[in-house]
Each structure stands twice: as C-alpha cells, then as structure tokens.
Amino acid sequence: MKASSSRAFKFTGPEHAKGILREILSLLEPIGANKLDQGSDSSDLIYLRDAKVPSLDLIVEGSKYFWFHHTDADTLDKLTPLELYRCAAAIAVVAFSYADYLPGPR
C-alpha cells in the first residue's frame, strides 16, 4: 500500500547528485516517497538556495496543512503518527544513504 503523507522530494543542487538521489529514492517506493522534482521553492530553504547550498525538501500531502500552519493550533496532536513516522523514515533513509555515497574516510 502506498498511503503516505510523503509524496516527493524537491532538490536544488549539482546535476551529478540527481542520479544518486533517484537511486536512493527508489528505496522509498513502498511508501510513495520516491519522486524527485527539480528546485525547492520552500521559503524555509530560500537562503540556502540563494547561497548555492544543495537542499532537499520533503513534499507532503498538504490539503490540510494551512488549516493549522503558524496558528495557535499548530501542535503535534494534529499529526497522524503513521504519517509522521513515514516522513521521518523517508528523510532518514535519504540522509543516511546519501552520506554513505560521499567520498572520504570510512
């Protein structure tokens, strides 16, 4: 089953990294977080993008996102635990796997 709040990642960075990321994201197909889109437009990452720092942004199902975003009701109890776990797992898989590709002492 591919039910998940995580949908895709948006990436801003060097071209050679996209192939690596696509390979890593294939691991996330079972939870539906295996799509890679170009260019993060997140306001949270704008300064990194402008400084030419590679960035990866998890895109989630957002139909209810702005119901609570930046309001007094923006609290953890609004999250579905399974969806939160899947998002955390997706980020962890990508971060760990990409770090494992990087050159350097092991």
Protein backbone atom coordinates (compact mmCIF):
# COMPACT_ATOMS: atom_id res chain seq x y z
CA MET A 1 0.00 0.00 0.00
CA LYS A 2 1.33 3.43 -0.91
CA ALA A 3 -0.68 5.53 1.51
CA SER A 4 1.60 8.15 2.92
CA SER A 5 1.76 11.84 3.54
CA SER A 6 5.23 11.98 1.98
CA ARG A 7 4.92 12.40 -1.77
CA ALA A 8 8.21 13.56 -3.26
CA PHE A 9 11.41 15.43 -2.69
CA LYS A 10 12.43 18.66 -4.39
CA PHE A 11 16.13 19.11 -4.95
CA THR A 12 18.30 22.10 -5.66
CA GLY A 13 21.93 21.27 -6.24
CA PRO A 14 24.52 19.84 -8.60
CA GLU A 15 23.36 17.83 -11.58
CA HIS A 16 25.52 14.79 -10.71
CA ALA A 17 23.72 14.40 -7.39
CA LYS A 18 20.32 13.85 -9.04
CA GLY A 19 21.23 10.37 -10.29
CA ILE A 20 22.38 9.35 -6.84
CA LEU A 21 19.20 10.74 -5.29
CA ARG A 22 16.97 8.95 -7.80
CA GLU A 23 18.66 5.68 -6.94
CA ILE A 24 18.22 6.30 -3.22
CA LEU A 25 14.61 7.39 -3.63
CA SER A 26 13.80 4.11 -5.36
CA LEU A 27 14.12 2.58 -1.88
CA LEU A 28 11.14 4.66 -0.80
CA GLU A 29 8.73 3.42 -3.45
CA PRO A 30 6.79 1.24 -0.95
CA ILE A 31 5.76 4.37 0.98
CA GLY A 32 5.24 6.52 -2.11
CA ALA A 33 8.05 8.99 -1.44
CA ASN A 34 10.19 8.12 -4.45
CA LYS A 35 9.59 11.07 -6.79
CA LEU A 36 12.29 13.70 -7.36
CA ASP A 37 11.29 17.15 -8.57
CA GLN A 38 13.57 19.99 -9.58
CA GLY A 39 14.13 23.02 -7.40
CA SER A 40 12.87 23.63 -3.92
CA ASP A 41 10.61 26.64 -3.63
CA SER A 42 10.22 26.40 0.13
CA SER A 43 10.54 29.69 1.98
CA ASP A 44 12.36 27.74 4.71
CA LEU A 45 15.19 26.96 2.28
CA ILE A 46 15.41 30.19 0.30
CA TYR A 47 18.63 31.38 1.96
CA LEU A 48 20.35 28.05 1.34
CA ARG A 49 19.26 28.09 -2.29
CA ASP A 50 20.44 31.67 -2.78
CA ALA A 51 23.81 30.74 -1.25
CA LYS A 52 24.06 27.81 -3.71
CA VAL A 53 23.91 25.26 -0.88
CA PRO A 54 22.31 22.00 -2.08
CA SER A 55 18.95 21.43 -0.46
CA LEU A 56 16.37 18.69 -0.38
CA ASP A 57 12.79 19.41 0.60
CA LEU A 58 10.28 16.70 1.51
CA ILE A 59 6.93 17.39 -0.13
CA VAL A 60 3.95 16.06 1.81
CA GLU A 61 0.23 15.80 1.20
CA GLY A 62 -0.86 19.29 2.13
CA SER A 63 -4.62 19.55 1.79
CA LYS A 64 -4.98 20.40 5.49
CA TYR A 65 -1.54 21.97 6.00
CA PHE A 66 -2.68 25.58 6.16
CA TRP A 67 -5.61 24.83 8.42
CA PHE A 68 -3.14 24.93 11.32
CA HIS A 69 0.18 26.23 9.96
CA HIS A 70 1.54 29.10 12.11
CA THR A 71 -1.57 29.29 14.25
CA ASP A 72 -2.02 28.58 17.96
CA ALA A 73 -3.45 25.21 16.90
CA ASP A 74 -0.16 24.21 15.15
CA THR A 75 0.69 21.42 17.62
CA LEU A 76 1.89 17.83 17.40
CA ASP A 77 -1.52 16.39 18.26
CA LYS A 78 -2.69 17.34 14.74
CA LEU A 79 -0.27 14.87 13.16
CA THR A 80 -1.11 11.31 12.28
CA PRO A 81 1.62 9.20 13.92
CA LEU A 82 1.98 6.79 10.99
CA GLU A 83 2.39 9.64 8.52
CA LEU A 84 4.93 11.35 10.79
CA TYR A 85 6.90 8.10 11.09
CA ARG A 86 6.92 7.63 7.32
CA CYS A 87 8.13 11.19 6.73
CA ALA A 88 10.87 10.77 9.34
CA ALA A 89 11.85 7.43 7.80
CA ALA A 90 12.00 8.94 4.31
CA ILE A 91 14.28 11.74 5.47
CA ALA A 92 16.47 9.33 7.45
CA VAL A 93 16.86 6.92 4.51
CA VAL A 94 17.85 9.72 2.15
CA ALA A 95 20.25 11.39 4.60
CA PHE A 96 21.98 8.16 5.63
CA SER A 97 22.17 6.74 2.11
CA TYR A 98 23.44 9.95 0.54
CA ALA A 99 26.06 10.36 3.27
CA ASP A 100 27.20 6.82 2.52
CA TYR A 101 27.84 7.85 -1.13
CA LEU A 102 30.09 10.74 -0.15
CA PRO A 103 33.82 10.26 -0.59
CA GLY A 104 36.07 10.30 2.42
CA PRO A 105 37.48 8.08 5.14
CA ARG A 106 35.27 5.28 6.36
